[in-house]
């Protein structure tokens, strides 16, 4: 008979969810106050920038960002309308699309990073020292790897 997760696991889950919500909403508020894109928009452009001229199919962008499919569609639509991303037919599959970053999107990623980095530093870096941050990254990486492998 399955007893369910331990008290420690439940406490870790609750702390993880609270921390994610608190830090992300704080960073998002900082970016909004600066008149910049949302974290999701920035992160999508960053992934497209990293993909280079090859671009990414929406499904790959979804996987990299960990967002629901409907959110990716809206995100790509918004970036396309704003002139930060383009859609083109996928060469291997005429029905599919590939999304690429535009020169304007590339410039925006570069110009936004200082404000984004400052917000991350304020909301997370200001609360953890380097050792704690390294340990947190290691632990979260363990969770991510497990999810990526279907666990």
Protein backbone atom coordinates (compact mmCIF):
# COMPACT_ATOMS: atom_id res chain seq x y z
CA UNK A 1 0.00 0.00 0.00
CA UNK A 2 1.34 3.41 -1.00
CA UNK A 3 1.65 5.72 2.01
CA UNK A 4 2.23 8.79 -0.14
CA UNK A 5 5.06 11.28 0.11
CA UNK A 6 6.83 11.90 3.39
CA UNK A 7 6.28 15.02 5.44
CA UNK A 8 9.70 16.27 4.31
CA UNK A 9 8.80 15.80 0.63
CA UNK A 10 5.49 17.62 1.11
CA UNK A 11 7.30 20.48 2.90
CA UNK A 12 9.88 20.64 0.07
CA UNK A 13 7.08 20.73 -2.52
CA UNK A 14 5.27 23.57 -0.75
CA UNK A 15 8.49 25.57 -0.31
CA UNK A 16 9.44 25.03 -3.96
CA UNK A 17 6.04 26.22 -5.21
CA UNK A 18 6.03 29.27 -2.90
CA UNK A 19 9.61 30.20 -3.83
CA UNK A 20 8.93 29.87 -7.56
CA UNK A 21 5.81 32.03 -7.37
CA UNK A 22 7.43 34.66 -5.15
CA UNK A 23 10.65 35.02 -7.14
CA UNK A 24 9.06 34.88 -10.58
CA UNK A 25 6.36 37.38 -9.69
CA UNK A 26 8.99 39.70 -8.24
CA UNK A 27 11.19 39.50 -11.33
CA UNK A 28 8.14 39.96 -13.56
CA UNK A 29 7.10 43.04 -11.58
CA UNK A 30 10.61 44.50 -11.90
CA UNK A 31 10.59 43.98 -15.67
CA UNK A 32 7.09 45.41 -16.02
CA UNK A 33 8.05 48.48 -13.96
CA UNK A 34 10.96 49.00 -16.35
CA UNK A 35 8.57 48.79 -19.34
CA UNK A 36 10.14 45.58 -20.63
CA UNK A 37 8.84 42.25 -21.94
CA UNK A 38 7.58 39.53 -19.63
CA UNK A 39 9.94 36.80 -18.46
CA UNK A 40 8.22 34.31 -20.79
CA UNK A 41 8.66 36.60 -23.79
CA UNK A 42 12.31 37.25 -22.94
CA UNK A 43 13.00 33.56 -22.33
CA UNK A 44 11.38 32.62 -25.66
CA UNK A 45 13.48 35.20 -27.51
CA UNK A 46 16.60 33.98 -25.73
CA UNK A 47 15.93 30.39 -26.84
CA UNK A 48 15.30 31.58 -30.40
CA UNK A 49 18.51 33.62 -30.27
CA UNK A 50 20.45 30.56 -29.10
CA UNK A 51 18.92 28.49 -31.93
CA UNK A 52 20.34 30.92 -34.50
CA UNK A 53 19.23 30.96 -38.12
CA UNK A 54 17.89 27.40 -37.88
CA UNK A 55 15.19 28.58 -35.48
CA UNK A 56 12.93 26.29 -33.49
CA UNK A 57 9.70 24.51 -34.12
CA UNK A 58 7.00 25.58 -31.66
CA UNK A 59 7.08 22.15 -30.00
CA UNK A 60 10.80 22.47 -29.34
CA UNK A 61 10.31 25.96 -27.93
CA UNK A 62 7.53 24.56 -25.73
CA UNK A 63 9.87 21.84 -24.44
CA UNK A 64 12.69 24.28 -23.71
CA UNK A 65 10.42 26.71 -21.87
CA UNK A 66 8.20 24.19 -20.11
CA UNK A 67 5.02 26.03 -21.06
CA UNK A 68 1.67 24.69 -22.22
CA UNK A 69 1.09 24.52 -25.99
CA UNK A 70 -1.61 27.20 -25.97
CA UNK A 71 0.78 29.57 -24.16
CA UNK A 72 3.48 28.95 -26.77
CA UNK A 73 1.02 29.76 -29.57
CA UNK A 74 0.02 33.04 -27.91
CA UNK A 75 3.63 33.86 -27.07
CA UNK A 76 4.83 33.29 -30.63
CA UNK A 77 1.88 35.25 -32.02
CA UNK A 78 2.72 38.21 -29.78
CA UNK A 79 6.43 38.13 -30.62
CA UNK A 80 5.59 37.87 -34.32
CA UNK A 81 3.16 40.82 -34.17
CA UNK A 82 5.74 42.92 -32.32
CA UNK A 83 8.35 42.15 -34.99
CA UNK A 84 10.67 40.22 -32.65
CA UNK A 85 10.15 36.80 -34.26
CA UNK A 86 9.21 35.35 -37.65
CA UNK A 87 7.46 32.18 -38.71
CA UNK A 88 8.46 30.31 -41.82
CA UNK A 89 7.37 26.96 -43.21
CA UNK A 90 9.36 24.01 -41.94
CA UNK A 91 11.51 22.64 -44.78
CA UNK A 92 10.99 19.01 -43.63
CA UNK A 93 7.25 19.34 -43.09
CA UNK A 94 5.28 21.86 -45.13
CA UNK A 95 2.48 21.92 -42.57
CA UNK A 96 4.74 22.82 -39.68
CA UNK A 97 6.45 26.10 -38.91
CA UNK A 98 9.85 27.22 -37.69
CA UNK A 99 10.17 30.31 -35.53
CA UNK A 100 13.26 32.50 -35.80
CA UNK A 101 14.33 35.65 -34.03
CA UNK A 102 14.53 38.92 -35.97
CA UNK A 103 17.30 41.50 -35.72
CA UNK A 104 14.95 43.57 -33.55
CA UNK A 105 14.37 40.59 -31.26
CA UNK A 106 18.10 39.95 -31.01
CA UNK A 107 18.74 43.60 -30.09
CA UNK A 108 15.97 43.48 -27.49
CA UNK A 109 17.43 40.37 -25.84
CA UNK A 110 20.79 42.12 -25.54
CA UNK A 111 19.34 45.38 -24.25
CA UNK A 112 17.00 43.70 -21.74
CA UNK A 113 19.56 41.43 -20.11
CA UNK A 114 21.03 44.01 -17.70
CA UNK A 115 17.59 44.76 -16.20
CA UNK A 116 16.69 41.06 -16.09
CA UNK A 117 20.02 40.18 -14.45
CA UNK A 118 19.53 42.94 -11.88
CA UNK A 119 16.05 41.63 -11.05
CA UNK A 120 17.36 38.07 -10.66
CA UNK A 121 20.16 39.33 -8.46
CA UNK A 122 17.75 41.30 -6.28
CA UNK A 123 15.07 38.61 -5.99
CA UNK A 124 17.30 35.51 -5.69
CA UNK A 125 20.96 36.48 -5.44
CA UNK A 126 20.27 38.88 -2.60
CA UNK A 127 18.90 36.01 -0.53
CA UNK A 128 21.50 33.30 -1.19
CA UNK A 129 25.27 33.27 -0.99
CA UNK A 130 27.32 31.60 -3.74
CA UNK A 131 27.46 28.23 -1.94
CA UNK A 132 23.71 28.18 -1.34
CA UNK A 133 23.00 29.19 -4.94
CA UNK A 134 25.27 26.40 -6.24
CA UNK A 135 23.56 23.85 -4.02
CA UNK A 136 20.11 25.04 -5.08
CA UNK A 137 21.10 24.82 -8.77
CA UNK A 138 22.42 21.28 -8.19
CA UNK A 139 19.24 20.14 -6.43
CA UNK A 140 16.92 21.70 -8.99
CA UNK A 141 19.03 20.22 -11.78
CA UNK A 142 18.45 16.81 -10.26
CA UNK A 143 14.70 17.40 -10.36
CA UNK A 144 14.82 18.63 -13.93
CA UNK A 145 16.87 15.69 -15.16
CA UNK A 146 14.38 13.31 -13.58
CA UNK A 147 11.47 15.03 -15.32
CA UNK A 148 13.35 15.07 -18.64
CA UNK A 149 13.82 11.30 -18.41
CA UNK A 150 10.15 10.58 -17.81
CA UNK A 151 10.34 9.97 -14.05
